[in-house]
Amino acid sequence: MKFNSKSSDNESNSTLEKEDCADGAQLWCVCSSNCGEDFTGMPKIKGWLRIEYPEDRLIVYIDSYRVRKLKVKGEYGRYLTYDWFLRKFHEPTAATSGTFIGGGSGNTTCTGFGNTLSCSTMGSSSMYIPGVPGSSGGYRQSKTQKFIIDCDEKTGSPDDSKLMKDKVKLTPSGNRLPEILADKYCPIINTLPKSDFMKFAK
């Protein structure tokens, strides 16, 4: 993908904001200096690739210039990783009130007969379920995660909670970013800096 340099006026700064951008199905940009705000109203991240989806009110930020080799089961040479996060619009939610459940009529149990009849009643206990506070709508930033690429299987996973969770197939010479990075960095994986992410190292 070819990037073109552009400059735009930054209202909060008298200097010009400098970006390299590529127009495609989405707008791909990297801000190099005097970064202003993206359309969420939050500051742009200098040096990170920004992919905008205005119709979905979503921006993906990817640290695509700092791809690292990942240690898995004591070895390097198969997996790549880089950081990413989302900025997404969330609709407001209404608060809900707490409620009690249970606490109705009890159960009576009797044993024996005649003068030896003995009964006891056990009441059912109630349980309180707390309400959920409401939230205002607006843009929020997700936590930063590791995208992991398996260079042997040519697969990628955006979730670092488990090795290659929800992995997807990467097409060689494809135009999705993980495919572009896999094509570029898998052949030179052994020359890349080591990632400090050690969750799957052993």
C-alpha atoms as a PDB file:
ATOM      1  CA  MET A   1       0.000   0.000   0.000  1.00  0.00           C
ATOM      2  CA  LYS A   2       1.374   3.377  -1.029  1.00  0.00           C
ATOM      3  CA  PHE A   3       1.333   6.254   1.451  1.00  0.00           C
ATOM      4  CA  ASN A   4       1.179   9.907   0.460  1.00  0.00           C
ATOM      5  CA  SER A   5       2.354  12.726   2.704  1.00  0.00           C
ATOM      6  CA  LYS A   6      -0.061  15.503   3.596  1.00  0.00           C
ATOM      7  CA  SER A   7      -0.295  18.403   6.015  1.00  0.00           C
ATOM      8  CA  SER A   8      -3.401  19.853   7.659  1.00  0.00           C
ATOM      9  CA  ASP A   9      -4.145  22.818   9.876  1.00  0.00           C
ATOM     10  CA  ASN A  10      -4.275  21.931  13.552  1.00  0.00           C
ATOM     11  CA  GLU A  11      -6.606  24.261  15.467  1.00  0.00           C
ATOM     12  CA  SER A  12      -4.817  23.626  18.766  1.00  0.00           C
ATOM     13  CA  ASN A  13      -1.371  24.322  17.344  1.00  0.00           C
ATOM     14  CA  SER A  14      -0.013  27.045  15.090  1.00  0.00           C
ATOM     15  CA  THR A  15       2.214  24.528  13.292  1.00  0.00           C
ATOM     16  CA  LEU A  16       1.068  21.999  10.737  1.00  0.00           C
ATOM     17  CA  GLU A  17       0.107  18.431  11.464  1.00  0.00           C
ATOM     18  CA  LYS A  18       2.069  16.025   9.264  1.00  0.00           C
ATOM     19  CA  GLU A  19       0.682  12.672   8.199  1.00  0.00           C
ATOM     20  CA  ASP A  20       1.340   9.923   5.687  1.00  0.00           C
ATOM     21  CA  CYS A  21      -1.945   8.526   4.405  1.00  0.00           C
ATOM     22  CA  ALA A  22      -3.207   5.921   1.956  1.00  0.00           C
ATOM     23  CA  ASP A  23      -6.769   6.067   0.650  1.00  0.00           C
ATOM     24  CA  GLY A  24      -8.541   2.779   0.096  1.00  0.00           C
ATOM     25  CA  ALA A  25     -11.666   1.150   1.448  1.00  0.00           C
ATOM     26  CA  GLN A  26     -10.632   2.834   4.712  1.00  0.00           C
ATOM     27  CA  LEU A  27      -8.333   5.755   5.427  1.00  0.00           C
ATOM     28  CA  TRP A  28      -4.924   4.550   6.645  1.00  0.00           C
ATOM     29  CA  CYS A  29      -2.738   7.265   8.218  1.00  0.00           C
ATOM     30  CA  VAL A  30       0.394   7.619  10.332  1.00  0.00           C
ATOM     31  CA  CYS A  31       0.923  10.945  12.118  1.00  0.00           C
ATOM     32  CA  SER A  32       4.594  11.878  12.291  1.00  0.00           C
ATOM     33  CA  SER A  33       4.544  15.241  14.090  1.00  0.00           C
ATOM     34  CA  ASN A  34       2.252  17.833  15.703  1.00  0.00           C
ATOM     35  CA  CYS A  35      -0.501  15.238  15.984  1.00  0.00           C
ATOM     36  CA  GLY A  36      -3.935  16.628  16.748  1.00  0.00           C
ATOM     37  CA  GLU A  37      -7.141  14.731  17.513  1.00  0.00           C
ATOM     38  CA  ASP A  38      -8.874  11.978  15.568  1.00  0.00           C
ATOM     39  CA  PHE A  39     -12.628  12.049  14.934  1.00  0.00           C
ATOM     40  CA  THR A  40     -13.289  10.542  18.382  1.00  0.00           C
ATOM     41  CA  GLY A  41     -11.936  13.734  19.967  1.00  0.00           C
ATOM     42  CA  MET A  42      -9.001  11.875  21.527  1.00  0.00           C
ATOM     43  CA  PRO A  43      -5.335  12.561  20.687  1.00  0.00           C
ATOM     44  CA  LYS A  44      -3.836  10.744  17.727  1.00  0.00           C
ATOM     45  CA  ILE A  45      -1.008   8.357  18.613  1.00  0.00           C
ATOM     46  CA  LYS A  46       2.242   9.478  17.043  1.00  0.00           C
ATOM     47  CA  GLY A  47       3.908   6.799  14.944  1.00  0.00           C
ATOM     48  CA  TRP A  48       0.980   4.362  15.093  1.00  0.00           C
ATOM     49  CA  LEU A  49      -1.013   3.354  12.031  1.00  0.00           C
ATOM     50  CA  ARG A  50      -4.596   4.627  12.268  1.00  0.00           C
ATOM     51  CA  ILE A  51      -7.340   2.899  10.268  1.00  0.00           C
ATOM     52  CA  GLU A  52     -10.626   4.802  10.284  1.00  0.00           C
ATOM     53  CA  TYR A  53     -14.143   3.393   9.890  1.00  0.00           C
ATOM     54  CA  PRO A  54     -16.307   6.540  10.220  1.00  0.00           C
ATOM     55  CA  GLU A  55     -19.529   4.783   9.244  1.00  0.00           C
ATOM     56  CA  ASP A  56     -19.027   2.362  12.149  1.00  0.00           C
ATOM     57  CA  ARG A  57     -17.738   5.107  14.474  1.00  0.00           C
ATOM     58  CA  LEU A  58     -14.599   3.050  14.967  1.00  0.00           C
ATOM     59  CA  ILE A  59     -10.827   3.591  14.727  1.00  0.00           C
ATOM     60  CA  VAL A  60      -8.171   0.879  14.958  1.00  0.00           C
ATOM     61  CA  TYR A  61      -4.685   1.898  16.121  1.00  0.00           C
ATOM     62  CA  ILE A  62      -1.794  -0.440  15.297  1.00  0.00           C
ATOM     63  CA  ASP A  63       1.852  -0.166  16.271  1.00  0.00           C
ATOM     64  CA  SER A  64       2.863  -1.565  12.892  1.00  0.00           C
ATOM     65  CA  TYR A  65       6.386  -0.139  12.900  1.00  0.00           C
ATOM     66  CA  ARG A  66       7.403  -2.088  15.995  1.00  0.00           C
ATOM     67  CA  VAL A  67       6.763  -5.693  14.992  1.00  0.00           C
ATOM     68  CA  ARG A  68       8.652  -8.097  17.264  1.00  0.00           C
ATOM     69  CA  LYS A  69       9.480 -11.790  17.299  1.00  0.00           C
ATOM     70  CA  LEU A  70       7.621 -13.605  20.058  1.00  0.00           C
ATOM     71  CA  LYS A  71       9.017 -16.316  22.318  1.00  0.00           C
ATOM     72  CA  VAL A  72       6.697 -19.332  22.528  1.00  0.00           C
ATOM     73  CA  LYS A  73       7.511 -22.545  24.409  1.00  0.00           C
ATOM     74  CA  GLY A  74      11.098 -21.456  24.872  1.00  0.00           C
ATOM     75  CA  GLU A  75      11.821 -20.617  21.258  1.00  0.00           C
ATOM     76  CA  TYR A  76      11.810 -17.718  18.812  1.00  0.00           C
ATOM     77  CA  GLY A  77      11.403 -17.979  15.051  1.00  0.00           C
ATOM     78  CA  ARG A  78       7.731 -18.800  14.410  1.00  0.00           C
ATOM     79  CA  TYR A  79       5.569 -16.048  15.902  1.00  0.00           C
ATOM     80  CA  LEU A  80       5.389 -12.281  15.364  1.00  0.00           C
ATOM     81  CA  THR A  81       3.547  -9.765  17.535  1.00  0.00           C
ATOM     82  CA  TYR A  82       2.557  -6.108  17.580  1.00  0.00           C
ATOM     83  CA  ASP A  83       0.303  -3.892  19.724  1.00  0.00           C
ATOM     84  CA  TRP A  84      -3.172  -2.683  18.784  1.00  0.00           C
ATOM     85  CA  PHE A  85      -6.303  -1.160  20.322  1.00  0.00           C
ATOM     86  CA  LEU A  86      -9.716   0.246  19.354  1.00  0.00           C
ATOM     87  CA  ARG A  87     -11.531   3.519  19.823  1.00  0.00           C
ATOM     88  CA  LYS A  88     -15.243   2.862  19.455  1.00  0.00           C
ATOM     89  CA  PHE A  89     -18.528   4.651  20.078  1.00  0.00           C
ATOM     90  CA  HIS A  90     -20.745   3.145  22.770  1.00  0.00           C
ATOM     91  CA  GLU A  91     -24.435   3.918  23.063  1.00  0.00           C
ATOM     92  CA  PRO A  92     -25.680   5.144  26.463  1.00  0.00           C
ATOM     93  CA  THR A  93     -27.250   2.542  28.745  1.00  0.00           C
ATOM     94  CA  ALA A  94     -29.965   3.061  31.358  1.00  0.00           C
ATOM     95  CA  ALA A  95     -29.455   2.092  34.979  1.00  0.00           C
ATOM     96  CA  THR A  96     -31.394  -0.842  36.432  1.00  0.00           C
ATOM     97  CA  SER A  97     -32.625  -1.099  40.025  1.00  0.00           C
ATOM     98  CA  GLY A  98     -31.792  -3.915  42.399  1.00  0.00           C
ATOM     99  CA  THR A  99     -34.330  -6.583  43.247  1.00  0.00           C
ATOM    100  CA  PHE A 100     -34.997  -9.328  45.803  1.00  0.00           C
ATOM    101  CA  ILE A 101     -35.843 -12.851  44.709  1.00  0.00           C
ATOM    102  CA  GLY A 102     -37.127 -15.680  46.863  1.00  0.00           C
ATOM    103  CA  GLY A 103     -38.349 -15.218  50.429  1.00  0.00           C
ATOM    104  CA  GLY A 104     -41.823 -16.647  49.760  1.00  0.00           C
ATOM    105  CA  SER A 105     -43.758 -19.173  51.826  1.00  0.00           C
ATOM    106  CA  GLY A 106     -41.764 -21.721  53.841  1.00  0.00           C
ATOM    107  CA  ASN A 107     -41.902 -25.505  53.953  1.00  0.00           C
ATOM    108  CA  THR A 108     -43.307 -27.411  56.968  1.00  0.00           C
ATOM    109  CA  THR A 109     -42.029 -30.907  57.764  1.00  0.00           C
ATOM    110  CA  CYS A 110     -43.662 -33.191  60.370  1.00  0.00           C
ATOM    111  CA  THR A 111     -42.387 -36.445  61.858  1.00  0.00           C
ATOM    112  CA  GLY A 112     -44.004 -38.960  64.264  1.00  0.00           C
ATOM    113  CA  PHE A 113     -47.717 -39.299  65.049  1.00  0.00           C
ATOM    114  CA  GLY A 114     -50.191 -38.681  67.841  1.00  0.00           C
ATOM    115  CA  ASN A 115     -48.613 -37.127  70.949  1.00  0.00           C
ATOM    116  CA  THR A 116     -45.160 -37.539  69.427  1.00  0.00           C
ATOM    117  CA  LEU A 117     -45.913 -35.505  66.296  1.00  0.00           C
ATOM    118  CA  SER A 118     -43.238 -32.884  65.773  1.00  0.00           C
ATOM    119  CA  CYS A 119     -43.282 -30.251  63.048  1.00  0.00           C
ATOM    120  CA  SER A 120     -40.799 -27.652  61.921  1.00  0.00           C
ATOM    121  CA  THR A 121     -41.083 -24.879  59.361  1.00  0.00           C
ATOM    122  CA  MET A 122     -38.183 -23.664  57.238  1.00  0.00           C
ATOM    123  CA  GLY A 123     -38.643 -20.320  55.531  1.00  0.00           C
ATOM    124  CA  SER A 124     -37.029 -19.793  52.130  1.00  0.00           C
ATOM    125  CA  SER A 125     -34.293 -17.182  52.152  1.00  0.00           C
ATOM    126  CA  SER A 126     -34.304 -14.221  49.827  1.00  0.00           C
ATOM    127  CA  MET A 127     -31.414 -13.081  47.667  1.00  0.00           C
ATOM    128  CA  TYR A 128     -30.665  -9.536  46.558  1.00  0.00           C
ATOM    129  CA  ILE A 129     -29.505  -8.936  42.999  1.00  0.00           C
ATOM    130  CA  PRO A 130     -27.918  -5.489  42.733  1.00  0.00           C
ATOM    131  CA  GLY A 131     -28.782  -3.140  39.933  1.00  0.00           C
ATOM    132  CA  VAL A 132     -26.471  -2.049  37.177  1.00  0.00           C
ATOM    133  CA  PRO A 133     -25.417   1.606  36.927  1.00  0.00           C
ATOM    134  CA  GLY A 134     -26.111   3.409  33.699  1.00  0.00           C
ATOM    135  CA  SER A 135     -23.400   4.757  31.445  1.00  0.00           C
ATOM    136  CA  SER A 136     -23.203   7.799  29.223  1.00  0.00           C
ATOM    137  CA  GLY A 137     -22.623   7.299  25.551  1.00  0.00           C
ATOM    138  CA  GLY A 138     -19.426   8.291  23.784  1.00  0.00           C
ATOM    139  CA  TYR A 139     -16.134   7.105  22.415  1.00  0.00           C
ATOM    140  CA  ARG A 140     -14.012   4.803  24.566  1.00  0.00           C
ATOM    141  CA  GLN A 141     -10.624   3.223  24.120  1.00  0.00           C
ATOM    142  CA  SER A 142     -10.124  -0.503  24.583  1.00  0.00           C
ATOM    143  CA  LYS A 143      -7.160  -2.010  26.356  1.00  0.00           C
ATOM    144  CA  THR A 144      -4.023  -2.550  24.287  1.00  0.00           C
ATOM    145  CA  GLN A 145      -3.600  -6.142  23.143  1.00  0.00           C
ATOM    146  CA  LYS A 146      -1.046  -8.158  21.212  1.00  0.00           C
ATOM    147  CA  PHE A 147      -1.860  -9.281  17.690  1.00  0.00           C
ATOM    148  CA  ILE A 148      -0.008 -12.547  17.082  1.00  0.00           C
ATOM    149  CA  ILE A 149       0.985 -13.948  13.692  1.00  0.00           C
ATOM    150  CA  ASP A 150       1.964 -17.595  13.184  1.00  0.00           C
ATOM    151  CA  CYS A 151       4.440 -17.506  10.303  1.00  0.00           C
ATOM    152  CA  ASP A 152       4.349 -21.302   9.831  1.00  0.00           C
ATOM    153  CA  GLU A 153       0.575 -21.685   9.654  1.00  0.00           C
ATOM    154  CA  LYS A 154       0.002 -18.243   8.071  1.00  0.00           C
ATOM    155  CA  THR A 155      -2.667 -17.393  10.627  1.00  0.00           C
ATOM    156  CA  GLY A 156      -3.302 -14.381  12.852  1.00  0.00           C
ATOM    157  CA  SER A 157      -5.036 -13.785  16.177  1.00  0.00           C
ATOM    158  CA  PRO A 158      -6.109 -10.411  17.643  1.00  0.00           C
ATOM    159  CA  ASP A 159      -6.651 -11.846  21.155  1.00  0.00           C
ATOM    160  CA  ASP A 160      -3.650 -12.436  23.441  1.00  0.00           C
ATOM    161  CA  SER A 161      -5.643 -14.096  26.250  1.00  0.00           C
ATOM    162  CA  LYS A 162      -4.761 -17.486  24.739  1.00  0.00           C
ATOM    163  CA  LEU A 163      -2.203 -18.438  22.116  1.00  0.00           C
ATOM    164  CA  MET A 164      -3.781 -18.088  18.659  1.00  0.00           C
ATOM    165  CA  LYS A 165      -7.333 -17.727  20.034  1.00  0.00           C
ATOM    166  CA  ASP A 166      -9.931 -17.070  17.307  1.00  0.00           C
ATOM    167  CA  LYS A 167      -7.209 -17.293  14.676  1.00  0.00           C
ATOM    168  CA  VAL A 168      -7.929 -16.436  11.062  1.00  0.00           C
ATOM    169  CA  LYS A 169      -6.208 -17.548   7.885  1.00  0.00           C
ATOM    170  CA  LEU A 170      -3.865 -15.019   6.284  1.00  0.00           C
ATOM    171  CA  THR A 171      -3.685 -14.945   2.501  1.00  0.00           C
ATOM    172  CA  PRO A 172      -0.173 -14.431   1.063  1.00  0.00           C
ATOM    173  CA  SER A 173       0.058 -11.077  -0.761  1.00  0.00           C
ATOM    174  CA  GLY A 174      -3.327 -10.097   0.705  1.00  0.00           C
ATOM    175  CA  ASN A 175      -4.256  -6.469   1.378  1.00  0.00           C
ATOM    176  CA  ARG A 176      -5.285  -6.807   5.049  1.00  0.00           C
ATOM    177  CA  LEU A 177      -2.704  -5.365   7.406  1.00  0.00           C
ATOM    178  CA  PRO A 178      -1.771  -8.656   9.159  1.00  0.00           C
ATOM    179  CA  GLU A 179      -1.177 -10.182   5.719  1.00  0.00           C
ATOM    180  CA  ILE A 180       0.995  -7.234   4.678  1.00  0.00           C
ATOM    181  CA  LEU A 181       3.039  -7.471   7.884  1.00  0.00           C
ATOM    182  CA  ALA A 182       3.346 -11.258   7.641  1.00  0.00           C
ATOM    183  CA  ASP A 183       4.651 -10.974   4.064  1.00  0.00           C
ATOM    184  CA  LYS A 184       7.154  -8.331   5.145  1.00  0.00           C
ATOM    185  CA  TYR A 185       8.428  -9.683   8.451  1.00  0.00           C
ATOM    186  CA  CYS A 186       8.056 -13.479   8.460  1.00  0.00           C
ATOM    187  CA  PRO A 187      10.964 -13.959   6.017  1.00  0.00           C
ATOM    188  CA  ILE A 188      13.243 -11.883   8.311  1.00  0.00           C
ATOM    189  CA  ILE A 189      11.800 -12.938  11.666  1.00  0.00           C
ATOM    190  CA  ASN A 190      15.171 -13.960  13.122  1.00  0.00           C
ATOM    191  CA  THR A 191      16.570 -10.454  12.585  1.00  0.00           C
ATOM    192  CA  LEU A 192      13.735  -8.716  14.473  1.00  0.00           C
ATOM    193  CA  PRO A 193      13.980  -7.408  18.050  1.00  0.00           C
ATOM    194  CA  LYS A 194      12.581  -9.655  20.778  1.00  0.00           C
ATOM    195  CA  SER A 195       9.183  -8.912  22.264  1.00  0.00           C
ATOM    196  CA  ASP A 196       9.021  -8.359  26.027  1.00  0.00           C
ATOM    197  CA  PHE A 197       5.624 -10.135  26.077  1.00  0.00           C
ATOM    198  CA  MET A 198       6.403 -13.410  27.867  1.00  0.00           C
ATOM    199  CA  LYS A 199       2.963 -14.900  28.487  1.00  0.00           C
ATOM    200  CA  PHE A 200       3.608 -17.860  26.172  1.00  0.00           C
ATOM    201  CA  ALA A 201       7.373 -18.094  26.634  1.00  0.00           C
ATOM    202  CA  LYS A 202       7.350 -21.373  28.598  1.00  0.00           C
END
